[in-house]
Structures are given as C-alpha cells and as structure tokens.
Amino acid sequence: MTVGSASEGLSQAGSGLRRVIKVGTSLLRGQPGRSTTAVITDLATSLARARQRGDSVALVTSGAVGLGCTALGMERRPSEVVALQAAAAVGQGRLMALYQDAFAIRGLAVAQVLITRGDLASRRRYQNACRTLEQLLAWGVVPIVNENDTLATDELRFGDNDTLSALVAVAIGAQELVLLTDIDRLYSGDPRLDPEARPIDEVRDLAELELVGRGAGGGGRWGTGGMGTKITAARIATTSGVRVRLADGRDPAVLEALLAGERVGTLFHPSTSPLGNRKGWLAHAVLPQGTLQVDDGAAQALIHRGASLLAVGIRAVEGRFERHQPVRVLGGDGREIGRGLVTLGSEELEGILGLDRAAIHRKLGETGDTVIHRDHFVLTPAAPDPTSP
C-alpha cells in the first residue's frame, strides 16, 4: 500500500482497453451548480472520447430510485422494498432517457441492461448475460447496466452497484474497473472525521484491502454503498485479474485524465494469480443454498493441496439443497474456506454423516465419495489456515 501522492502515468491511452465505469447515486443527484443532466452529459463526453481512442466501455449506473424520488417529490429514500421498487419504476425511464440523449448527440448508441443477483447466480443466465454484453460491445453499443430495482427482492439484490460493477467487469473480461465516487481517493480513515487520515495511492494485496475495509464507512443519505462496498468491489475484481481505479467523479476533468492514462485517485493492482471466469463466478456471483462444515484434515487438503472435498471429511450439513447447487464450506472454527457445487443433495449427505469411506461406498457407490470436485470449488479470498492458532 502506497501512501502519499503519485504522478506516474499508466501509459494506457489509446491501448484499446475494455473498461467498466461505475457511477453512483450520490454523483448522479448532482451538486450545486451541476445537475444530473450535466453529470450525464460530462460522462457521455468522456466515454465518447475513450471510444475514439479504441477503448470499449460499459457503464454501471445507479440513480433510478433517486430520480424517481425526485419526480415524486420525496425528501428521503424509502426504506420499504415495495416503495423502492415503485420509485425505481418511475425513475428508470427518466434515467435512460438522459443517457440516450447525451450519447446520441455524440454518435453512440446505448442499451439498457437490467440485472438481478439471480441472473448472475445461475450459471446459464450468467453465461447469457456475458454473451449479451459481448454482443453489444462488438456492435459498438455502450451497455448501461443497472440493478433491476423494480423486480429485485431483498434476497436477490446486490445491495449496491459497486458489487454489480465488479461482477460485470469479471463477466466481460474487462482490464479495468473505474469506481467514481464523491471523494478523491481512498484514505487510511474517514478524512471527514479523522484529521490524521492519509491518502492511499496504491493497494497491492488482499491483506491491505482487508485492513482498509475494516475502517470504511457506510453509504450516504441517498446511496446504499460507501467506501466499504468499494473495497468489496475491488476485492472481487482484483482477485479475477481486473485492475481497479477509484477516483473523484465530481470533477469531469478527473475522469478525462484517468481515461487518458494519467495517475489519479487510488489504484488497486490485480492479483498475479487471478481466478478464471468460472471460479470467479463461483467465488462472487453464486448464492449459496447451504453450508458444509468440514474437519481440519479436509480443510488442509482443500486449502493447501487443491484437493476435492470427500464425504468422509464433512462434519455437519446446514440448509436444504439439491445436487449441483452451490454451498459454502466452513472449517472447524466456523470460518468460510470456499464455495463449490455439490454432487449430492443435503438429504443424501445427512444420511452418510459419520460413516467411514467403506460404508459410504456401500451406500452410494464410489461416485458418492467426492462431494465437491476440485474443478467446481474455489477458495474464499484469504481463506484461514486451519493449523494456525
């Protein structure tokens, strides 16, 4: 982690990068002297120039609920799900109209892409979403991605568009994710509250992300994110090999400088051993349907030897799930080790708990021995070592 200022450029301009840009509600609501229309106009100008340099860009946007609230004369964001859904229904059309007008003037077509967590949790639907986004980019269309707030229920919500933007970046194989926010960069603490907070220019590993994330605050009055969700997004993207830039979206010159290759804001370096597309999906997009707790021997085999999870190593089963559904795998201390797709349902597993391998083979055959194959398992970032105190 590098603290202080940096002026070194990244030599990216004109390199044909694939980027995902995320802009949140706090920016889209505008500031004194800069309306929502002006914010979107500046975004369209910057992204059109990036397209001229050879970059392909997808935009992940918040703002539907906020615009709906404004149209309805509300002073505060609703808290009830049905009210949020109704406000989003009012605001989404207004939001897209602003984007369509701003980009059309600059010769670019846009496409509305509304996604729920369930769309990405299903492997088939995830692949369909990937193909749709790829086709739009191939056509030179700018995808405008938003969570489908009108339909999403609590259990199928991303909770914030920072997470959605990271998953979109992974899905389309982006080289860079840009998180535009209302602060100039990441700090060691909240600079509004801590006079000792220091600017952080670079973050190079997950341990540093974890450390910074503990002190990150929540969202503002209108947003649902905050610095904590941006740390989460950076973790998702960097573990999948995507570079992340966090920068001030209030000043249009900042995005222009960033897209031109200048060093601004905070840079999160991608992992040197990134997850592939499938394991990235397993680690971050799936919705686990249950939990398996394993003994220390199984935990060590999973973490250190890249082994499959055998039935004999399972100590407890929680939840109800079918074959081929995703589950969380916990060590003996209750901390998550990883996630995977099971070959047996919860009822089948409960029927063999405590049996030795010979008894399991007699009951299910040899194919029942492997509950999660290593090709369908991914370690949770910073998975604990079961042998450490």
Protein backbone atom coordinates (compact mmCIF):
# COMPACT_ATOMS: atom_id res chain seq x y z
CA MET A 1 0.00 0.00 0.00
CA THR A 2 1.48 3.33 -1.04
CA VAL A 3 0.60 6.44 0.97
CA GLY A 4 1.06 9.91 -0.46
CA SER A 5 0.80 11.26 -3.98
CA ALA A 6 1.97 9.74 -7.23
CA SER A 7 2.39 11.34 -10.62
CA GLU A 8 3.50 8.33 -12.68
CA GLY A 9 1.24 7.70 -15.67
CA LEU A 10 -0.12 4.28 -16.55
CA SER A 11 0.53 4.54 -20.30
CA GLN A 12 -2.93 3.32 -21.18
CA ALA A 13 -4.35 5.90 -23.55
CA GLY A 14 -5.25 4.52 -26.95
CA SER A 15 -4.45 0.94 -25.96
CA GLY A 16 -7.90 -0.46 -26.74
CA LEU A 17 -8.79 -1.32 -23.18
CA ARG A 18 -12.08 -2.80 -22.09
CA ARG A 19 -13.35 -0.79 -19.14
CA VAL A 20 -16.33 -0.76 -16.81
CA ILE A 21 -17.21 2.64 -15.35
CA LYS A 22 -19.43 2.79 -12.26
CA VAL A 23 -21.23 5.97 -11.22
CA GLY A 24 -23.36 6.13 -8.10
CA THR A 25 -26.45 7.91 -6.88
CA SER A 26 -24.50 10.50 -4.87
CA LEU A 27 -22.90 11.74 -8.10
CA LEU A 28 -25.96 11.47 -10.31
CA ARG A 29 -28.05 13.57 -7.96
CA GLY A 30 -25.65 16.38 -8.80
CA GLN A 31 -24.26 19.19 -6.70
CA PRO A 32 -24.99 22.91 -6.52
CA GLY A 33 -24.34 24.26 -9.99
CA ARG A 34 -24.12 20.80 -11.60
CA SER A 35 -27.36 19.00 -12.36
CA THR A 36 -27.97 15.31 -13.07
CA THR A 37 -28.23 16.19 -16.76
CA ALA A 38 -24.83 17.91 -16.61
CA VAL A 39 -23.25 14.92 -14.86
CA ILE A 40 -24.53 12.52 -17.53
CA THR A 41 -23.51 14.89 -20.32
CA ASP A 42 -19.94 15.01 -18.97
CA LEU A 43 -19.89 11.21 -18.66
CA ALA A 44 -21.04 10.80 -22.25
CA THR A 45 -18.36 13.23 -23.46
CA SER A 46 -15.58 11.37 -21.66
CA LEU A 47 -16.73 7.92 -22.74
CA ALA A 48 -17.18 9.01 -26.34
CA ARG A 49 -13.57 10.19 -26.39
CA ALA A 50 -12.46 6.89 -24.88
CA ARG A 51 -14.30 5.08 -27.69
CA GLN A 52 -12.49 7.23 -30.24
CA ARG A 53 -9.19 6.10 -28.70
CA GLY A 54 -10.17 2.49 -29.23
CA ASP A 55 -11.49 1.57 -25.78
CA SER A 56 -14.73 -0.35 -25.27
CA VAL A 57 -16.78 0.76 -22.31
CA ALA A 58 -19.70 -0.49 -20.24
CA LEU A 59 -21.34 1.83 -17.75
CA VAL A 60 -22.85 0.63 -14.48
CA THR A 61 -25.18 3.28 -13.13
CA SER A 62 -27.27 3.88 -10.08
CA GLY A 63 -29.84 6.64 -9.94
CA ALA A 64 -33.21 5.15 -10.86
CA VAL A 65 -34.55 5.27 -7.32
CA GLY A 66 -33.11 8.75 -6.73
CA LEU A 67 -34.64 10.17 -9.90
CA GLY A 68 -37.93 8.51 -9.07
CA CYS A 69 -37.90 10.05 -5.61
CA THR A 70 -37.20 13.47 -7.09
CA ALA A 71 -40.01 13.10 -9.61
CA LEU A 72 -42.37 12.11 -6.80
CA GLY A 73 -41.28 14.99 -4.55
CA MET A 74 -39.84 12.72 -1.85
CA GLU A 75 -37.28 14.20 0.52
CA ARG A 76 -35.84 10.88 1.66
CA ARG A 77 -35.18 7.50 0.06
CA PRO A 78 -37.91 4.97 1.04
CA SER A 79 -36.93 2.03 3.22
CA GLU A 80 -39.70 -0.41 2.26
CA VAL A 81 -38.93 -2.75 -0.65
CA VAL A 82 -42.20 -2.13 -2.47
CA ALA A 83 -41.72 1.66 -2.25
CA LEU A 84 -38.16 1.33 -3.58
CA GLN A 85 -39.41 -0.81 -6.45
CA ALA A 86 -42.12 1.69 -7.33
CA ALA A 87 -39.69 4.64 -7.16
CA ALA A 88 -37.28 2.74 -9.42
CA ALA A 89 -40.09 2.11 -11.91
CA VAL A 90 -40.70 5.87 -12.07
CA GLY A 91 -37.02 6.79 -12.30
CA GLN A 92 -35.56 4.15 -14.63
CA GLY A 93 -37.17 5.52 -17.78
CA ARG A 94 -36.07 9.04 -16.89
CA LEU A 95 -32.52 7.81 -16.27
CA MET A 96 -32.27 6.01 -19.61
CA ALA A 97 -33.75 8.97 -21.49
CA LEU A 98 -30.96 11.17 -20.12
CA TYR A 99 -28.30 8.65 -21.17
CA GLN A 100 -29.81 8.08 -24.62
CA ASP A 101 -29.97 11.80 -25.38
CA ALA A 102 -26.44 12.51 -24.13
CA PHE A 103 -24.80 9.63 -26.01
CA ALA A 104 -26.83 10.06 -29.22
CA ILE A 105 -25.54 13.61 -29.63
CA ARG A 106 -22.03 12.11 -29.56
CA GLY A 107 -22.85 9.43 -32.10
CA LEU A 108 -23.13 6.48 -29.73
CA ALA A 109 -25.98 4.08 -29.15
CA VAL A 110 -26.75 2.78 -25.67
CA ALA A 111 -28.58 -0.30 -24.41
CA GLN A 112 -30.42 -0.74 -21.14
CA VAL A 113 -29.34 -3.91 -19.27
CA LEU A 114 -31.21 -4.60 -16.02
CA ILE A 115 -29.82 -7.39 -13.85
CA THR A 116 -30.74 -9.03 -10.55
CA ARG A 117 -28.48 -11.17 -8.39
CA GLY A 118 -30.44 -14.21 -9.52
CA ASP A 119 -29.43 -13.52 -13.14
CA LEU A 120 -25.76 -13.93 -12.25
CA ALA A 121 -26.22 -16.65 -9.61
CA SER A 122 -27.46 -19.06 -12.28
CA ARG A 123 -24.55 -20.29 -14.40
CA ARG A 124 -26.74 -20.48 -17.53
CA ARG A 125 -28.16 -16.99 -17.04
CA TYR A 126 -24.69 -15.67 -16.17
CA GLN A 127 -23.39 -17.01 -19.48
CA ASN A 128 -26.37 -15.50 -21.30
CA ALA A 129 -25.64 -12.12 -19.70
CA CYS A 130 -21.99 -12.41 -20.74
CA ARG A 131 -22.96 -13.15 -24.35
CA THR A 132 -25.42 -10.26 -24.49
CA LEU A 133 -22.88 -7.78 -23.13
CA GLU A 134 -20.21 -9.11 -25.50
CA GLN A 135 -22.53 -8.65 -28.49
CA LEU A 136 -23.38 -5.08 -27.51
CA LEU A 137 -19.70 -4.20 -27.16
CA ALA A 138 -18.94 -5.86 -30.51
CA TRP A 139 -21.59 -3.63 -32.10
CA GLY A 140 -20.03 -0.53 -30.53
CA VAL A 141 -23.04 -0.03 -28.26
CA VAL A 142 -22.47 1.23 -24.71
CA PRO A 143 -24.28 -1.06 -22.24
CA ILE A 144 -25.94 0.93 -19.45
CA VAL A 145 -26.21 -1.61 -16.63
CA ASN A 146 -28.31 -1.19 -13.51
CA GLU A 147 -29.74 -3.48 -10.88
CA ASN A 148 -33.36 -4.29 -11.66
CA ASP A 149 -34.69 -2.46 -8.60
CA THR A 150 -38.25 -2.71 -9.89
CA LEU A 151 -38.27 -6.51 -9.56
CA ALA A 152 -35.43 -7.47 -7.22
CA THR A 153 -36.39 -8.71 -3.76
CA ASP A 154 -34.13 -8.49 -0.73
CA GLU A 155 -32.69 -11.97 -1.16
CA LEU A 156 -31.89 -11.35 -4.84
CA ARG A 157 -30.38 -7.88 -4.50
CA PHE A 158 -26.72 -6.99 -4.91
CA GLY A 159 -27.25 -4.34 -2.26
CA ASP A 160 -25.14 -1.81 -4.14
CA ASN A 161 -23.95 -1.23 -7.67
CA ASP A 162 -20.29 -1.37 -6.65
CA THR A 163 -20.64 -5.14 -6.35
CA LEU A 164 -22.61 -5.30 -9.59
CA SER A 165 -19.93 -3.31 -11.42
CA ALA A 166 -17.21 -5.71 -10.26
CA LEU A 167 -19.22 -8.73 -11.40
CA VAL A 168 -19.87 -7.09 -14.78
CA ALA A 169 -16.14 -6.37 -15.14
CA VAL A 170 -15.36 -10.04 -14.46
CA ALA A 171 -18.14 -11.24 -16.77
CA ILE A 172 -16.89 -9.30 -19.80
CA GLY A 173 -13.18 -9.80 -19.12
CA ALA A 174 -12.51 -6.10 -18.56
CA GLN A 175 -8.96 -4.94 -17.94
CA GLU A 176 -10.08 -2.10 -15.71
CA LEU A 177 -12.93 -1.14 -13.40
CA VAL A 178 -13.33 2.55 -12.57
CA LEU A 179 -15.31 3.41 -9.44
CA LEU A 180 -16.35 7.06 -9.49
CA THR A 181 -17.25 8.40 -6.08
CA ASP A 182 -17.56 11.67 -4.14
CA ILE A 183 -14.07 11.52 -2.63
CA ASP A 184 -10.75 11.98 -4.42
CA ARG A 185 -9.19 8.65 -3.38
CA LEU A 186 -9.02 6.02 -0.68
CA TYR A 187 -7.81 7.15 2.76
CA SER A 188 -6.50 5.31 5.81
CA GLY A 189 -9.57 6.62 7.68
CA ASP A 190 -12.57 8.82 7.04
CA PRO A 191 -10.98 12.22 6.22
CA ARG A 192 -14.20 13.96 7.22
CA LEU A 193 -13.81 12.65 10.77
CA ASP A 194 -10.12 11.81 11.16
CA PRO A 195 -7.61 14.65 10.67
CA GLU A 196 -4.82 12.04 10.64
CA ALA A 197 -6.30 10.12 7.70
CA ARG A 198 -3.72 9.72 4.96
CA PRO A 199 -4.34 9.32 1.21
CA ILE A 200 -3.60 5.89 -0.25
CA ASP A 201 -2.40 5.85 -3.84
CA GLU A 202 -1.93 2.12 -4.37
CA VAL A 203 -3.17 -1.13 -2.87
CA ARG A 204 -1.27 -4.23 -3.92
CA ASP A 205 -2.67 -7.19 -1.99
CA LEU A 206 -5.82 -8.53 -0.38
CA ALA A 207 -4.49 -8.19 3.17
CA GLU A 208 -4.23 -4.44 2.65
CA LEU A 209 -7.75 -4.34 1.23
CA GLU A 210 -9.00 -6.18 4.30
CA LEU A 211 -7.22 -3.75 6.62
CA VAL A 212 -8.62 -0.69 4.87
CA GLY A 213 -12.09 -2.22 4.65
CA ARG A 214 -12.40 -2.53 8.43
CA GLY A 215 -12.33 1.23 8.78
CA ALA A 216 -14.54 2.07 5.83
CA GLY A 217 -17.80 3.85 6.43
CA GLY A 218 -21.29 3.25 5.14
CA GLY A 219 -23.27 4.99 2.47
CA GLY A 220 -24.71 8.45 2.44
CA ARG A 221 -28.25 9.73 2.69
CA TRP A 222 -29.24 8.67 -0.82
CA GLY A 223 -26.72 5.95 -1.71
CA THR A 224 -26.62 2.36 -0.49
CA GLY A 225 -22.86 1.92 -0.84
CA GLY A 226 -19.94 3.66 0.81
CA MET A 227 -16.22 3.03 0.91
CA GLY A 228 -16.76 -0.44 2.39
CA THR A 229 -18.68 -1.62 -0.69
CA LYS A 230 -15.98 -0.20 -2.95
CA ILE A 231 -13.38 -2.25 -1.07
CA THR A 232 -15.58 -5.30 -1.63
CA ALA A 233 -15.87 -4.48 -5.32
CA ALA A 234 -12.11 -4.04 -5.57
CA ARG A 235 -11.60 -7.42 -3.91
CA ILE A 236 -13.94 -9.15 -6.37
CA ALA A 237 -12.35 -7.51 -9.39
CA THR A 238 -8.68 -7.78 -8.43
CA THR A 239 -8.91 -11.47 -7.48
CA SER A 240 -10.21 -12.03 -11.01
CA GLY A 241 -7.36 -10.10 -12.61
CA VAL A 242 -9.10 -6.75 -13.13
CA ARG A 243 -7.28 -3.53 -12.24
CA VAL A 244 -9.44 -1.11 -10.21
CA ARG A 245 -9.25 2.68 -10.13
CA LEU A 246 -11.13 4.71 -7.53
CA ALA A 247 -11.42 8.40 -8.33
CA ASP A 248 -13.42 11.58 -7.79
CA GLY A 249 -16.42 11.70 -10.11
CA ARG A 250 -17.49 15.19 -9.13
CA ASP A 251 -14.89 16.81 -11.39
CA PRO A 252 -15.26 15.74 -15.06
CA ALA A 253 -11.57 16.53 -15.62
CA VAL A 254 -10.63 13.65 -13.30
CA LEU A 255 -12.32 11.01 -15.46
CA GLU A 256 -10.81 12.57 -18.58
CA ALA A 257 -7.34 12.36 -17.02
CA LEU A 258 -7.89 8.80 -15.85
CA LEU A 259 -9.11 7.58 -19.25
CA ALA A 260 -6.15 9.32 -20.89
CA GLY A 261 -3.76 7.24 -18.77
CA GLU A 262 -2.85 9.67 -16.01
CA ARG A 263 -2.38 8.54 -12.43
CA VAL A 264 -5.27 9.91 -10.38
CA GLY A 265 -7.14 8.56 -7.37
CA THR A 266 -6.27 5.15 -5.93
CA LEU A 267 -5.02 2.19 -7.97
CA PHE A 268 -5.82 -1.39 -6.85
CA HIS A 269 -3.44 -3.80 -8.54
CA PRO A 270 -4.89 -7.05 -9.90
CA SER A 271 -3.90 -10.42 -8.50
CA THR A 272 -0.89 -12.08 -10.11
CA SER A 273 -2.78 -15.41 -9.88
CA PRO A 274 -6.29 -14.46 -10.95
CA LEU A 275 -9.32 -16.71 -10.82
CA GLY A 276 -10.70 -17.84 -14.15
CA ASN A 277 -14.17 -16.87 -15.32
CA ARG A 278 -15.86 -19.97 -13.88
CA LYS A 279 -14.13 -19.81 -10.50
CA GLY A 280 -14.68 -16.06 -10.35
CA TRP A 281 -18.38 -16.78 -10.83
CA LEU A 282 -18.29 -19.42 -8.07
CA ALA A 283 -16.45 -17.13 -5.66
CA HIS A 284 -18.50 -13.98 -6.10
CA ALA A 285 -21.74 -14.39 -8.07
CA VAL A 286 -23.39 -17.53 -6.76
CA LEU A 287 -25.96 -17.57 -3.98
CA PRO A 288 -25.04 -20.50 -1.68
CA GLN A 289 -28.01 -22.69 -0.84
CA GLY A 290 -26.47 -24.36 2.19
CA THR A 291 -23.36 -24.96 4.26
CA LEU A 292 -20.96 -27.84 4.82
CA GLN A 293 -18.66 -27.85 7.84
CA VAL A 294 -15.52 -29.96 7.41
CA ASP A 295 -12.82 -31.30 9.72
CA ASP A 296 -9.27 -29.95 9.85
CA GLY A 297 -7.90 -32.66 7.58
CA ALA A 298 -10.36 -31.84 4.83
CA ALA A 299 -9.76 -28.11 5.31
CA GLN A 300 -6.00 -28.55 4.92
CA ALA A 301 -6.49 -30.68 1.80
CA LEU A 302 -8.74 -28.04 0.24
CA ILE A 303 -6.53 -25.08 1.11
CA HIS A 304 -3.02 -26.46 0.68
CA ARG A 305 -3.32 -29.34 -1.80
CA GLY A 306 -6.11 -28.20 -4.11
CA ALA A 307 -7.95 -31.42 -3.35
CA SER A 308 -11.60 -32.32 -3.83
CA LEU A 309 -13.90 -32.47 -0.82
CA LEU A 310 -14.59 -36.06 0.18
CA ALA A 311 -17.70 -37.11 2.05
CA VAL A 312 -15.70 -38.55 4.95
CA GLY A 313 -14.38 -35.07 5.79
CA ILE A 314 -17.82 -33.49 6.30
CA ARG A 315 -18.91 -32.96 9.90
CA ALA A 316 -22.20 -31.05 9.53
CA VAL A 317 -24.77 -30.07 6.90
CA GLU A 318 -26.94 -26.95 7.12
CA GLY A 319 -29.73 -25.84 4.81
CA ARG A 320 -31.63 -27.63 2.08
CA PHE A 321 -30.07 -28.02 -1.35
CA GLU A 322 -30.11 -30.34 -4.34
CA ARG A 323 -27.34 -31.89 -6.38
CA HIS A 324 -25.19 -29.41 -8.38
CA GLN A 325 -26.25 -26.42 -6.28
CA PRO A 326 -23.68 -24.09 -4.66
CA VAL A 327 -22.77 -24.30 -0.97
CA ARG A 328 -20.37 -22.63 1.44
CA VAL A 329 -17.65 -24.75 3.00
CA LEU A 330 -16.62 -23.89 6.57
CA GLY A 331 -13.66 -25.03 8.62
CA GLY A 332 -13.94 -26.34 12.15
CA ASP A 333 -13.77 -22.79 13.53
CA GLY A 334 -16.82 -21.74 11.51
CA ARG A 335 -14.92 -19.51 9.09
CA GLU A 336 -15.56 -19.87 5.39
CA ILE A 337 -12.93 -21.75 3.40
CA GLY A 338 -14.54 -21.66 -0.01
CA ARG A 339 -17.57 -22.38 -2.18
CA GLY A 340 -18.43 -25.15 -4.57
CA LEU A 341 -21.05 -27.16 -6.43
CA VAL A 342 -22.12 -30.37 -4.70
CA THR A 343 -22.62 -33.78 -6.28
CA LEU A 344 -25.07 -34.81 -3.52
CA GLY A 345 -28.11 -33.12 -2.02
CA SER A 346 -28.45 -32.22 1.63
CA GLU A 347 -30.65 -35.24 2.47
CA GLU A 348 -28.17 -37.64 0.87
CA LEU A 349 -25.29 -36.06 2.78
CA GLU A 350 -27.12 -36.19 6.10
CA GLY A 351 -27.62 -39.91 5.52
CA ILE A 352 -23.87 -40.58 5.38
CA LEU A 353 -22.55 -38.25 8.10
CA GLY A 354 -20.17 -40.07 10.41
CA LEU A 355 -19.71 -43.08 8.13
CA ASP A 356 -16.27 -44.25 7.05
CA ARG A 357 -15.31 -44.46 3.37
CA ALA A 358 -16.15 -48.13 3.10
CA ALA A 359 -19.63 -47.59 4.47
CA ILE A 360 -20.15 -44.58 2.18
CA HIS A 361 -19.14 -46.70 -0.82
CA ARG A 362 -21.54 -49.42 0.15
CA LYS A 363 -24.38 -46.92 0.45
CA LEU A 364 -23.72 -44.63 -2.51
CA GLY A 365 -21.05 -46.32 -4.58
CA GLU A 366 -17.59 -44.93 -5.25
CA THR A 367 -19.00 -41.94 -7.12
CA GLY A 368 -20.57 -40.74 -3.85
CA ASP A 369 -17.16 -40.27 -2.27
CA THR A 370 -16.43 -36.92 -3.91
CA VAL A 371 -18.93 -34.30 -2.74
CA ILE A 372 -17.27 -31.27 -4.38
CA HIS A 373 -14.78 -31.85 -7.19
CA ARG A 374 -11.79 -29.54 -7.12
CA ASP A 375 -12.72 -28.17 -10.56
CA HIS A 376 -16.02 -26.98 -9.05
CA PHE A 377 -14.53 -25.48 -5.87
CA VAL A 378 -12.93 -22.11 -5.23
CA LEU A 379 -11.17 -20.88 -2.11
CA THR A 380 -12.59 -17.81 -0.45
CA PRO A 381 -10.02 -14.96 -0.67
CA ALA A 382 -7.77 -15.02 2.40
CA ALA A 383 -9.11 -18.43 3.48
CA PRO A 384 -7.89 -19.22 7.01
CA ASP A 385 -5.20 -21.80 7.70
CA PRO A 386 -6.82 -24.46 9.89
CA THR A 387 -3.48 -25.23 11.57
CA SER A 388 -2.87 -21.67 12.72
CA PRO A 389 -3.88 -20.61 16.25
